[in-house]
């Protein structure tokens, strides 16, 4: 990984490219992030930087976290993420990372928490077919038989059944950055990314690039 940044999903819109073609994009407020800690091979056994995003009120931070920010000499931040970059020598504690770390045309992977859908049935959760809507069917949207007999007399693990849907860590890979507005710390990414508006996302170099 060469570079990475934490951001907040603003929403989707569309822009026009140089040929007049409409391009759907997701707008992300990327940074400014601040380097809170550098981890080195001598002290920690590996090299990484810990990055904070979005300032937060003091009353919302516990004492251990306050001490960590005080040691770094930075303002309190809501979100902390650790990135194992190829070279951390160019980063120092207190340094800011802004949206201009990425350029137009860069391929990125975007990770976030998908939208929560609550408890859902098999039809919506697993895209299963419905039962007959005629002839007195009592299983229009119910899962129906579990398929177990007297042997083995159990429902096998990982069977697709009703349950909690969404709200899981999700990554969309190999997306393209189509515009960077450095003065506003905005990155426009072609296509959709995980999570609701105002959700936190992590943008990093694509593993396939």
C-alpha atoms as a PDB file:
ATOM      1  CA  UNK A   1       0.000   0.000   0.000  1.00  0.00           C
ATOM      2  CA  UNK A   2       1.486   3.341  -1.087  1.00  0.00           C
ATOM      3  CA  UNK A   3      -1.103   5.792   0.228  1.00  0.00           C
ATOM      4  CA  UNK A   4      -4.401   5.829   2.092  1.00  0.00           C
ATOM      5  CA  UNK A   5      -6.807   8.280   3.685  1.00  0.00           C
ATOM      6  CA  UNK A   6      -9.963   8.287   5.817  1.00  0.00           C
ATOM      7  CA  UNK A   7     -13.034  10.087   4.517  1.00  0.00           C
ATOM      8  CA  UNK A   8     -16.745  10.719   4.949  1.00  0.00           C
ATOM      9  CA  UNK A   9     -19.234   9.803   2.237  1.00  0.00           C
ATOM     10  CA  UNK A  10     -21.202  12.891   1.181  1.00  0.00           C
ATOM     11  CA  UNK A  11     -23.467  11.349  -1.467  1.00  0.00           C
ATOM     12  CA  UNK A  12     -23.769  10.663  -5.185  1.00  0.00           C
ATOM     13  CA  UNK A  13     -24.053  13.032  -8.122  1.00  0.00           C
ATOM     14  CA  UNK A  14     -22.988  13.133 -11.758  1.00  0.00           C
ATOM     15  CA  UNK A  15     -20.480  15.066 -13.808  1.00  0.00           C
ATOM     16  CA  UNK A  16     -19.682  15.340 -17.513  1.00  0.00           C
ATOM     17  CA  UNK A  17     -16.377  14.197 -18.954  1.00  0.00           C
ATOM     18  CA  UNK A  18     -14.503  15.890 -21.796  1.00  0.00           C
ATOM     19  CA  UNK A  19     -16.653  14.034 -24.344  1.00  0.00           C
ATOM     20  CA  UNK A  20     -19.905  15.216 -22.766  1.00  0.00           C
ATOM     21  CA  UNK A  21     -20.689  11.776 -21.343  1.00  0.00           C
ATOM     22  CA  UNK A  22     -22.442  11.591 -17.969  1.00  0.00           C
ATOM     23  CA  UNK A  23     -20.322   9.929 -15.264  1.00  0.00           C
ATOM     24  CA  UNK A  24     -21.995   8.895 -11.970  1.00  0.00           C
ATOM     25  CA  UNK A  25     -19.703   9.697  -9.035  1.00  0.00           C
ATOM     26  CA  UNK A  26     -19.638   9.459  -5.255  1.00  0.00           C
ATOM     27  CA  UNK A  27     -18.387  12.534  -3.419  1.00  0.00           C
ATOM     28  CA  UNK A  28     -16.116  11.831  -0.444  1.00  0.00           C
ATOM     29  CA  UNK A  29     -14.789  14.390   2.026  1.00  0.00           C
ATOM     30  CA  UNK A  30     -11.291  12.935   2.343  1.00  0.00           C
ATOM     31  CA  UNK A  31      -9.340  14.394   5.243  1.00  0.00           C
ATOM     32  CA  UNK A  32      -7.682  16.393   6.433  1.00  0.00           C
ATOM     33  CA  UNK A  33      -6.277  13.525   8.489  1.00  0.00           C
ATOM     34  CA  UNK A  34      -3.469  13.891  11.022  1.00  0.00           C
ATOM     35  CA  UNK A  35      -0.720  11.389  11.845  1.00  0.00           C
ATOM     36  CA  UNK A  36      -1.166  10.501  15.508  1.00  0.00           C
ATOM     37  CA  UNK A  37       1.465   7.766  15.864  1.00  0.00           C
ATOM     38  CA  UNK A  38       4.289   6.108  13.925  1.00  0.00           C
ATOM     39  CA  UNK A  39       4.955   2.439  14.591  1.00  0.00           C
ATOM     40  CA  UNK A  40       8.439   1.163  13.813  1.00  0.00           C
ATOM     41  CA  UNK A  41      10.041  -2.238  13.544  1.00  0.00           C
ATOM     42  CA  UNK A  42      12.278  -1.543  16.541  1.00  0.00           C
ATOM     43  CA  UNK A  43       9.448  -0.602  18.915  1.00  0.00           C
ATOM     44  CA  UNK A  44       6.427  -2.462  17.556  1.00  0.00           C
ATOM     45  CA  UNK A  45       7.749  -5.173  15.260  1.00  0.00           C
ATOM     46  CA  UNK A  46       6.253  -3.644  12.130  1.00  0.00           C
ATOM     47  CA  UNK A  47       5.989  -0.303  10.350  1.00  0.00           C
ATOM     48  CA  UNK A  48       2.730   1.642  10.158  1.00  0.00           C
ATOM     49  CA  UNK A  49       1.160   5.023  10.817  1.00  0.00           C
ATOM     50  CA  UNK A  50      -1.955   5.691  12.866  1.00  0.00           C
ATOM     51  CA  UNK A  51      -4.165   8.390  11.379  1.00  0.00           C
ATOM     52  CA  UNK A  52      -6.995  10.403  12.945  1.00  0.00           C
ATOM     53  CA  UNK A  53      -9.952  11.946  11.120  1.00  0.00           C
ATOM     54  CA  UNK A  54     -12.637  14.496  12.050  1.00  0.00           C
ATOM     55  CA  UNK A  55     -12.250  16.671  15.139  1.00  0.00           C
ATOM     56  CA  UNK A  56     -14.381  15.833  18.170  1.00  0.00           C
ATOM     57  CA  UNK A  57     -15.368  17.470  21.461  1.00  0.00           C
ATOM     58  CA  UNK A  58     -13.279  16.674  24.510  1.00  0.00           C
ATOM     59  CA  UNK A  59     -16.211  15.305  26.538  1.00  0.00           C
ATOM     60  CA  UNK A  60     -16.692  12.526  23.964  1.00  0.00           C
ATOM     61  CA  UNK A  61     -13.160  11.123  24.348  1.00  0.00           C
ATOM     62  CA  UNK A  62     -11.996   8.836  27.173  1.00  0.00           C
ATOM     63  CA  UNK A  63      -8.845   9.476  29.185  1.00  0.00           C
ATOM     64  CA  UNK A  64      -6.527   6.917  27.517  1.00  0.00           C
ATOM     65  CA  UNK A  65      -7.402   8.297  24.085  1.00  0.00           C
ATOM     66  CA  UNK A  66      -6.921  11.886  25.335  1.00  0.00           C
ATOM     67  CA  UNK A  67      -3.439  10.934  26.532  1.00  0.00           C
ATOM     68  CA  UNK A  68      -2.587   9.481  23.138  1.00  0.00           C
ATOM     69  CA  UNK A  69      -3.565  12.693  21.347  1.00  0.00           C
ATOM     70  CA  UNK A  70      -1.807  14.842  23.978  1.00  0.00           C
ATOM     71  CA  UNK A  71       1.418  12.885  23.459  1.00  0.00           C
ATOM     72  CA  UNK A  72       1.152  13.429  19.712  1.00  0.00           C
ATOM     73  CA  UNK A  73       0.388  17.131  20.204  1.00  0.00           C
ATOM     74  CA  UNK A  74      -2.681  16.958  17.949  1.00  0.00           C
ATOM     75  CA  UNK A  75      -6.349  17.827  18.339  1.00  0.00           C
ATOM     76  CA  UNK A  76      -8.837  15.133  19.351  1.00  0.00           C
ATOM     77  CA  UNK A  77     -10.187  13.025  16.483  1.00  0.00           C
ATOM     78  CA  UNK A  78     -13.275  10.846  16.152  1.00  0.00           C
ATOM     79  CA  UNK A  79     -11.867   8.068  13.953  1.00  0.00           C
ATOM     80  CA  UNK A  80      -8.501   6.315  14.190  1.00  0.00           C
ATOM     81  CA  UNK A  81      -7.153   3.934  11.560  1.00  0.00           C
ATOM     82  CA  UNK A  82      -3.802   2.253  11.097  1.00  0.00           C
ATOM     83  CA  UNK A  83      -2.170   1.936   7.686  1.00  0.00           C
ATOM     84  CA  UNK A  84       0.810  -0.252   6.815  1.00  0.00           C
ATOM     85  CA  UNK A  85       2.389   1.741   4.022  1.00  0.00           C
ATOM     86  CA  UNK A  86       5.387   0.806   1.885  1.00  0.00           C
ATOM     87  CA  UNK A  87       7.415   3.742   3.211  1.00  0.00           C
ATOM     88  CA  UNK A  88       6.522   5.657   6.394  1.00  0.00           C
ATOM     89  CA  UNK A  89       9.723   7.703   6.492  1.00  0.00           C
ATOM     90  CA  UNK A  90       7.962  10.564   4.679  1.00  0.00           C
ATOM     91  CA  UNK A  91       5.409  10.899   7.495  1.00  0.00           C
ATOM     92  CA  UNK A  92       5.893  12.541  10.889  1.00  0.00           C
ATOM     93  CA  UNK A  93       3.610  12.758  13.929  1.00  0.00           C
ATOM     94  CA  UNK A  94       1.356  15.799  13.578  1.00  0.00           C
ATOM     95  CA  UNK A  95       1.621  15.873   9.777  1.00  0.00           C
ATOM     96  CA  UNK A  96      -1.632  16.344   7.850  1.00  0.00           C
ATOM     97  CA  UNK A  97      -2.737  14.090   5.007  1.00  0.00           C
ATOM     98  CA  UNK A  98      -5.140  15.760   2.577  1.00  0.00           C
ATOM     99  CA  UNK A  99      -7.170  14.777  -0.459  1.00  0.00           C
ATOM    100  CA  UNK A 100      -4.418  15.840  -2.869  1.00  0.00           C
ATOM    101  CA  UNK A 101      -2.449  12.736  -1.911  1.00  0.00           C
ATOM    102  CA  UNK A 102      -4.509  11.093  -4.695  1.00  0.00           C
ATOM    103  CA  UNK A 103      -4.649  12.148  -8.335  1.00  0.00           C
ATOM    104  CA  UNK A 104      -7.148  11.885 -11.162  1.00  0.00           C
ATOM    105  CA  UNK A 105      -6.958   8.444 -12.751  1.00  0.00           C
ATOM    106  CA  UNK A 106      -5.756   6.638  -9.632  1.00  0.00           C
ATOM    107  CA  UNK A 107      -7.316   3.219  -9.020  1.00  0.00           C
ATOM    108  CA  UNK A 108      -8.496   2.770  -5.430  1.00  0.00           C
ATOM    109  CA  UNK A 109     -10.244   0.324  -3.117  1.00  0.00           C
ATOM    110  CA  UNK A 110     -12.916   1.849  -0.866  1.00  0.00           C
ATOM    111  CA  UNK A 111     -13.881   0.106   2.389  1.00  0.00           C
ATOM    112  CA  UNK A 112     -16.806   0.943   4.647  1.00  0.00           C
ATOM    113  CA  UNK A 113     -19.746  -0.496   6.578  1.00  0.00           C
ATOM    114  CA  UNK A 114     -22.701  -1.329   4.332  1.00  0.00           C
ATOM    115  CA  UNK A 115     -26.184   0.014   5.006  1.00  0.00           C
ATOM    116  CA  UNK A 116     -28.054  -1.900   7.698  1.00  0.00           C
ATOM    117  CA  UNK A 117     -31.357  -3.437   6.569  1.00  0.00           C
ATOM    118  CA  UNK A 118     -32.443  -4.942   9.898  1.00  0.00           C
ATOM    119  CA  UNK A 119     -34.073  -8.373  10.096  1.00  0.00           C
ATOM    120  CA  UNK A 120     -35.096  -9.582   6.635  1.00  0.00           C
ATOM    121  CA  UNK A 121     -36.624 -12.716   5.176  1.00  0.00           C
ATOM    122  CA  UNK A 122     -35.156 -15.086   2.609  1.00  0.00           C
ATOM    123  CA  UNK A 123     -36.728 -13.294  -0.348  1.00  0.00           C
ATOM    124  CA  UNK A 124     -34.930 -10.003   0.221  1.00  0.00           C
ATOM    125  CA  UNK A 125     -31.848 -11.309   2.037  1.00  0.00           C
ATOM    126  CA  UNK A 126     -30.915 -14.116  -0.358  1.00  0.00           C
ATOM    127  CA  UNK A 127     -33.012 -13.280  -3.459  1.00  0.00           C
ATOM    128  CA  UNK A 128     -34.935 -16.554  -3.223  1.00  0.00           C
ATOM    129  CA  UNK A 129     -38.152 -17.066  -5.195  1.00  0.00           C
ATOM    130  CA  UNK A 130     -41.608 -16.680  -3.689  1.00  0.00           C
ATOM    131  CA  UNK A 131     -44.192 -19.406  -3.359  1.00  0.00           C
ATOM    132  CA  UNK A 132     -47.220 -19.664  -5.649  1.00  0.00           C
ATOM    133  CA  UNK A 133     -49.506 -16.683  -5.320  1.00  0.00           C
ATOM    134  CA  UNK A 134     -52.589 -18.781  -6.205  1.00  0.00           C
ATOM    135  CA  UNK A 135     -54.309 -22.028  -5.243  1.00  0.00           C
ATOM    136  CA  UNK A 136     -54.261 -21.333  -1.513  1.00  0.00           C
ATOM    137  CA  UNK A 137     -50.481 -21.378  -1.026  1.00  0.00           C
ATOM    138  CA  UNK A 138     -49.582 -20.541   2.577  1.00  0.00           C
ATOM    139  CA  UNK A 139     -45.880 -20.069   1.801  1.00  0.00           C
ATOM    140  CA  UNK A 140     -45.777 -16.969  -0.381  1.00  0.00           C
ATOM    141  CA  UNK A 141     -42.720 -15.494   1.371  1.00  0.00           C
ATOM    142  CA  UNK A 142     -41.973 -18.016   4.123  1.00  0.00           C
ATOM    143  CA  UNK A 143     -38.786 -20.138   3.896  1.00  0.00           C
ATOM    144  CA  UNK A 144     -40.726 -23.415   3.830  1.00  0.00           C
ATOM    145  CA  UNK A 145     -39.158 -26.780   4.606  1.00  0.00           C
ATOM    146  CA  UNK A 146     -35.630 -26.876   6.048  1.00  0.00           C
ATOM    147  CA  UNK A 147     -34.894 -30.089   4.161  1.00  0.00           C
ATOM    148  CA  UNK A 148     -33.814 -32.138   7.194  1.00  0.00           C
ATOM    149  CA  UNK A 149     -35.140 -35.666   7.803  1.00  0.00           C
ATOM    150  CA  UNK A 150     -34.673 -38.072  10.694  1.00  0.00           C
ATOM    151  CA  UNK A 151     -31.066 -38.360   9.593  1.00  0.00           C
ATOM    152  CA  UNK A 152     -29.222 -36.069  10.373  1.00  0.00           C
ATOM    153  CA  UNK A 153     -32.186 -34.319  12.083  1.00  0.00           C
ATOM    154  CA  UNK A 154     -30.594 -30.905  12.039  1.00  0.00           C
ATOM    155  CA  UNK A 155     -30.292 -27.776   9.964  1.00  0.00           C
ATOM    156  CA  UNK A 156     -26.813 -27.488   8.492  1.00  0.00           C
ATOM    157  CA  UNK A 157     -24.647 -24.510   9.302  1.00  0.00           C
ATOM    158  CA  UNK A 158     -24.626 -21.610   6.815  1.00  0.00           C
ATOM    159  CA  UNK A 159     -28.063 -22.468   5.442  1.00  0.00           C
ATOM    160  CA  UNK A 160     -29.626 -19.391   3.892  1.00  0.00           C
ATOM    161  CA  UNK A 161     -32.355 -18.321   6.290  1.00  0.00           C
ATOM    162  CA  UNK A 162     -34.006 -15.112   7.537  1.00  0.00           C
ATOM    163  CA  UNK A 163     -31.783 -12.923   9.698  1.00  0.00           C
ATOM    164  CA  UNK A 164     -29.865  -9.686  10.055  1.00  0.00           C
ATOM    165  CA  UNK A 165     -29.001  -8.091   6.718  1.00  0.00           C
ATOM    166  CA  UNK A 166     -26.367  -5.470   5.980  1.00  0.00           C
ATOM    167  CA  UNK A 167     -24.192  -3.487   8.395  1.00  0.00           C
ATOM    168  CA  UNK A 168     -21.050  -5.492   7.558  1.00  0.00           C
ATOM    169  CA  UNK A 169     -17.560  -4.449   6.479  1.00  0.00           C
ATOM    170  CA  UNK A 170     -17.557  -4.167   2.697  1.00  0.00           C
ATOM    171  CA  UNK A 171     -14.893  -3.233   0.154  1.00  0.00           C
ATOM    172  CA  UNK A 172     -15.464  -2.160  -3.445  1.00  0.00           C
ATOM    173  CA  UNK A 173     -12.278  -2.630  -5.431  1.00  0.00           C
ATOM    174  CA  UNK A 174     -10.621  -1.028  -8.434  1.00  0.00           C
ATOM    175  CA  UNK A 175     -12.631   2.206  -8.596  1.00  0.00           C
ATOM    176  CA  UNK A 176     -11.354   5.233 -10.497  1.00  0.00           C
ATOM    177  CA  UNK A 177     -10.850   8.739  -9.152  1.00  0.00           C
ATOM    178  CA  UNK A 178     -12.274  11.164 -11.707  1.00  0.00           C
ATOM    179  CA  UNK A 179     -11.751  14.471  -9.886  1.00  0.00           C
ATOM    180  CA  UNK A 180      -9.938  15.892  -6.862  1.00  0.00           C
ATOM    181  CA  UNK A 181     -10.998  19.246  -5.381  1.00  0.00           C
ATOM    182  CA  UNK A 182      -8.003  19.877  -3.128  1.00  0.00           C
ATOM    183  CA  UNK A 183      -9.134  23.194  -1.629  1.00  0.00           C
ATOM    184  CA  UNK A 184     -12.313  21.546  -0.291  1.00  0.00           C
ATOM    185  CA  UNK A 185     -10.740  18.136   0.443  1.00  0.00           C
ATOM    186  CA  UNK A 186     -13.184  16.395  -1.871  1.00  0.00           C
ATOM    187  CA  UNK A 187     -12.557  13.300  -3.982  1.00  0.00           C
ATOM    188  CA  UNK A 188     -15.003  12.227  -6.697  1.00  0.00           C
ATOM    189  CA  UNK A 189     -14.964   8.479  -7.276  1.00  0.00           C
ATOM    190  CA  UNK A 190     -16.632   6.842 -10.268  1.00  0.00           C
ATOM    191  CA  UNK A 191     -19.496   4.566  -9.219  1.00  0.00           C
ATOM    192  CA  UNK A 192     -20.923   3.673  -5.818  1.00  0.00           C
ATOM    193  CA  UNK A 193     -19.141   2.955  -2.547  1.00  0.00           C
ATOM    194  CA  UNK A 194     -20.296   1.163   0.617  1.00  0.00           C
ATOM    195  CA  UNK A 195     -22.312   2.722   3.397  1.00  0.00           C
ATOM    196  CA  UNK A 196     -24.848   5.502   3.979  1.00  0.00           C
ATOM    197  CA  UNK A 197     -24.263   9.204   3.534  1.00  0.00           C
ATOM    198  CA  UNK A 198     -22.037  10.589   6.328  1.00  0.00           C
ATOM    199  CA  UNK A 199     -20.592   7.096   6.808  1.00  0.00           C
ATOM    200  CA  UNK A 200     -16.830   6.693   7.314  1.00  0.00           C
ATOM    201  CA  UNK A 201     -14.828   5.106   4.510  1.00  0.00           C
ATOM    202  CA  UNK A 202     -11.194   4.232   3.914  1.00  0.00           C
ATOM    203  CA  UNK A 203      -9.680   4.977   0.510  1.00  0.00           C
ATOM    204  CA  UNK A 204      -6.432   3.251  -0.411  1.00  0.00           C
ATOM    205  CA  UNK A 205      -4.467   2.234  -3.465  1.00  0.00           C
ATOM    206  CA  UNK A 206      -6.085  -0.625  -5.337  1.00  0.00           C
ATOM    207  CA  UNK A 207      -4.538  -4.007  -4.634  1.00  0.00           C
ATOM    208  CA  UNK A 208      -4.947  -4.786  -8.345  1.00  0.00           C
ATOM    209  CA  UNK A 209      -3.189  -1.699  -9.675  1.00  0.00           C
END
